């Protein structure tokens, strides 16, 4: 069963919660390369950045960052992405941080998106479903209901996990 919920707190409060959550998670992967959502948005203007979605296929089916590839696609054809800055992301940055930690030697231009897709949305970034803008975002679970106002959060109650 998929749930659609909304939050009552302000966007500022939600963003601060995203930042606190990411701050706790980042202890699990110290010293990795990171990039803020605002800086990642600036990279999109040049068209060179490749976003790497580390989330599960069910999450990716709801929405992804512009032009994103999956982690599997990156690992299957690494030479195709060798000349591009790579920005890994997930919901808040834990899974993508672990991915960057694991693969940074193989991909020296790989960075973690601080605060993940949620911070991206709070910074004014767009998400896409089948190459069209969407207002739906998979938030991983109830604990991550921190999307900006105007976005419809989606998560599967049966698979909601805690990190």
Protein backbone atom coordinates (compact mmCIF):
# COMPACT_ATOMS: atom_id res chain seq x y z
CA UNK A 1 0.00 0.00 0.00
CA UNK A 2 1.44 3.39 -1.03
CA UNK A 3 0.68 6.36 1.23
CA UNK A 4 0.41 10.00 0.19
CA UNK A 5 0.89 12.42 3.06
CA UNK A 6 1.59 16.07 3.70
CA UNK A 7 3.44 17.85 6.48
CA UNK A 8 2.24 20.76 8.57
CA UNK A 9 5.60 22.29 9.46
CA UNK A 10 7.20 25.07 7.45
CA UNK A 11 9.61 24.45 4.61
CA UNK A 12 12.36 26.09 6.64
CA UNK A 13 11.79 23.63 9.48
CA UNK A 14 11.75 20.70 7.07
CA UNK A 15 15.00 21.79 5.47
CA UNK A 16 16.63 22.18 8.88
CA UNK A 17 15.51 18.64 9.73
CA UNK A 18 17.02 17.36 6.47
CA UNK A 19 20.31 19.07 7.35
CA UNK A 20 20.30 17.63 10.90
CA UNK A 21 19.52 14.17 9.60
CA UNK A 22 22.30 14.35 7.01
CA UNK A 23 24.68 15.69 9.64
CA UNK A 24 24.09 12.57 11.75
CA UNK A 25 24.38 10.23 8.76
CA UNK A 26 27.63 11.72 7.46
CA UNK A 27 29.50 10.32 10.48
CA UNK A 28 29.21 6.93 8.73
CA UNK A 29 31.31 8.11 5.77
CA UNK A 30 33.84 10.72 6.95
CA UNK A 31 36.05 12.51 4.47
CA UNK A 32 34.10 11.81 1.29
CA UNK A 33 33.62 14.47 -1.38
CA UNK A 34 30.33 16.32 -0.96
CA UNK A 35 28.40 18.99 -2.80
CA UNK A 36 25.54 21.19 -1.63
CA UNK A 37 22.24 21.18 -3.46
CA UNK A 38 22.78 24.82 -4.47
CA UNK A 39 26.20 24.05 -5.96
CA UNK A 40 24.81 20.98 -7.75
CA UNK A 41 22.06 23.16 -9.25
CA UNK A 42 24.75 25.49 -10.60
CA UNK A 43 26.51 22.54 -12.24
CA UNK A 44 23.36 21.69 -14.18
CA UNK A 45 23.64 24.99 -16.05
CA UNK A 46 26.79 23.72 -17.78
CA UNK A 47 25.12 20.44 -18.66
CA UNK A 48 28.14 18.38 -17.69
CA UNK A 49 27.10 16.91 -14.35
CA UNK A 50 25.73 13.39 -14.20
CA UNK A 51 23.46 12.57 -11.28
CA UNK A 52 23.68 9.02 -10.00
CA UNK A 53 20.52 7.75 -8.32
CA UNK A 54 21.40 5.21 -5.62
CA UNK A 55 17.80 4.62 -4.57
CA UNK A 56 15.81 1.46 -5.22
CA UNK A 57 13.95 1.03 -8.55
CA UNK A 58 10.59 1.59 -6.80
CA UNK A 59 11.83 5.00 -5.62
CA UNK A 60 13.28 5.84 -9.02
CA UNK A 61 9.95 4.98 -10.66
CA UNK A 62 8.34 7.94 -8.85
CA UNK A 63 10.88 10.63 -9.74
CA UNK A 64 14.56 11.26 -10.42
CA UNK A 65 16.87 14.24 -10.80
CA UNK A 66 17.35 15.59 -14.34
CA UNK A 67 19.19 13.17 -16.61
CA UNK A 68 20.06 10.85 -13.72
CA UNK A 69 21.47 7.39 -14.24
CA UNK A 70 21.26 4.57 -11.76
CA UNK A 71 24.21 3.37 -9.72
CA UNK A 72 24.05 0.15 -11.70
CA UNK A 73 24.34 2.04 -15.00
CA UNK A 74 27.40 3.88 -13.72
CA UNK A 75 29.09 0.68 -12.59
CA UNK A 76 28.21 -1.16 -15.81
CA UNK A 77 29.69 1.48 -18.14
CA UNK A 78 32.13 3.59 -16.10
CA UNK A 79 34.10 4.81 -19.13
CA UNK A 80 31.00 6.52 -20.51
CA UNK A 81 30.94 8.80 -17.46
CA UNK A 82 34.68 9.29 -16.93
CA UNK A 83 34.81 12.91 -18.12
CA UNK A 84 31.85 14.15 -16.09
CA UNK A 85 31.44 15.36 -12.55
CA UNK A 86 29.31 12.71 -10.82
CA UNK A 87 26.84 13.51 -8.04
CA UNK A 88 25.36 10.55 -6.19
CA UNK A 89 22.08 11.00 -4.35
CA UNK A 90 19.38 9.21 -2.44
CA UNK A 91 16.63 10.58 -0.19
CA UNK A 92 18.79 12.41 2.37
CA UNK A 93 22.33 11.26 1.56
CA UNK A 94 23.07 8.16 3.65
CA UNK A 95 22.93 5.48 0.95
CA UNK A 96 24.63 7.73 -1.58
CA UNK A 97 27.29 8.65 0.98
CA UNK A 98 28.08 4.97 1.49
CA UNK A 99 28.17 4.57 -2.32
CA UNK A 100 30.64 7.45 -2.67
CA UNK A 101 32.75 6.00 0.14
CA UNK A 102 32.85 2.63 -1.60
CA UNK A 103 33.52 3.85 -5.15
CA UNK A 104 35.47 7.11 -4.79
CA UNK A 105 38.76 5.41 -5.72
CA UNK A 106 37.19 4.13 -8.93
CA UNK A 107 35.43 7.46 -9.67
CA UNK A 108 37.58 10.35 -8.42
CA UNK A 109 35.00 12.95 -9.57
CA UNK A 110 32.20 11.33 -7.54
CA UNK A 111 30.55 13.49 -4.85
CA UNK A 112 27.64 13.00 -2.48
CA UNK A 113 24.66 15.34 -2.67
CA UNK A 114 24.32 16.75 0.85
CA UNK A 115 20.74 16.24 1.98
CA UNK A 116 19.86 14.20 -1.11
CA UNK A 117 16.77 14.66 -3.22
CA UNK A 118 15.01 16.44 -0.35
CA UNK A 119 17.68 19.17 -0.13
CA UNK A 120 17.63 19.39 -3.94
CA UNK A 121 13.92 20.17 -3.89
CA UNK A 122 14.33 22.71 -1.08
CA UNK A 123 17.03 24.44 -3.16
CA UNK A 124 14.57 24.83 -6.03
CA UNK A 125 15.62 21.84 -8.12
CA UNK A 126 13.16 19.89 -10.25
CA UNK A 127 12.42 16.17 -10.28
CA UNK A 128 11.25 14.20 -13.29
CA UNK A 129 9.12 11.19 -14.08
CA UNK A 130 9.71 9.76 -17.56
CA UNK A 131 11.52 12.96 -18.57
CA UNK A 132 8.60 15.20 -17.53
CA UNK A 133 8.55 17.45 -14.45
CA UNK A 134 6.59 15.99 -11.56
CA UNK A 135 5.47 17.14 -8.12
CA UNK A 136 5.72 13.62 -6.66
CA UNK A 137 8.77 12.47 -4.72
CA UNK A 138 9.55 9.18 -3.05
CA UNK A 139 10.55 10.01 0.53
CA UNK A 140 11.76 6.51 1.52
CA UNK A 141 9.63 6.27 4.64
CA UNK A 142 7.53 8.13 7.17
CA UNK A 143 10.57 9.48 8.99
CA UNK A 144 11.63 11.29 5.81
CA UNK A 145 8.43 13.26 5.20
CA UNK A 146 10.47 16.44 4.74
CA UNK A 147 9.67 17.50 1.18
CA UNK A 148 8.88 21.14 0.42
CA UNK A 149 5.28 22.31 0.28
CA UNK A 150 3.71 21.57 -3.06
CA UNK A 151 5.34 18.17 -3.42
CA UNK A 152 3.38 14.98 -2.95
CA UNK A 153 5.36 12.50 -0.83
CA UNK A 154 5.14 8.83 -1.71
CA UNK A 155 6.42 5.80 0.16
CA UNK A 156 5.48 2.18 0.59
CA UNK A 157 4.39 1.49 4.16
CA UNK A 158 5.32 -2.18 3.85
CA UNK A 159 8.93 -1.47 2.89
CA UNK A 160 9.56 1.70 4.88
CA UNK A 161 12.94 1.27 6.56
CA UNK A 162 14.95 3.10 9.17
CA UNK A 163 18.56 4.12 8.63
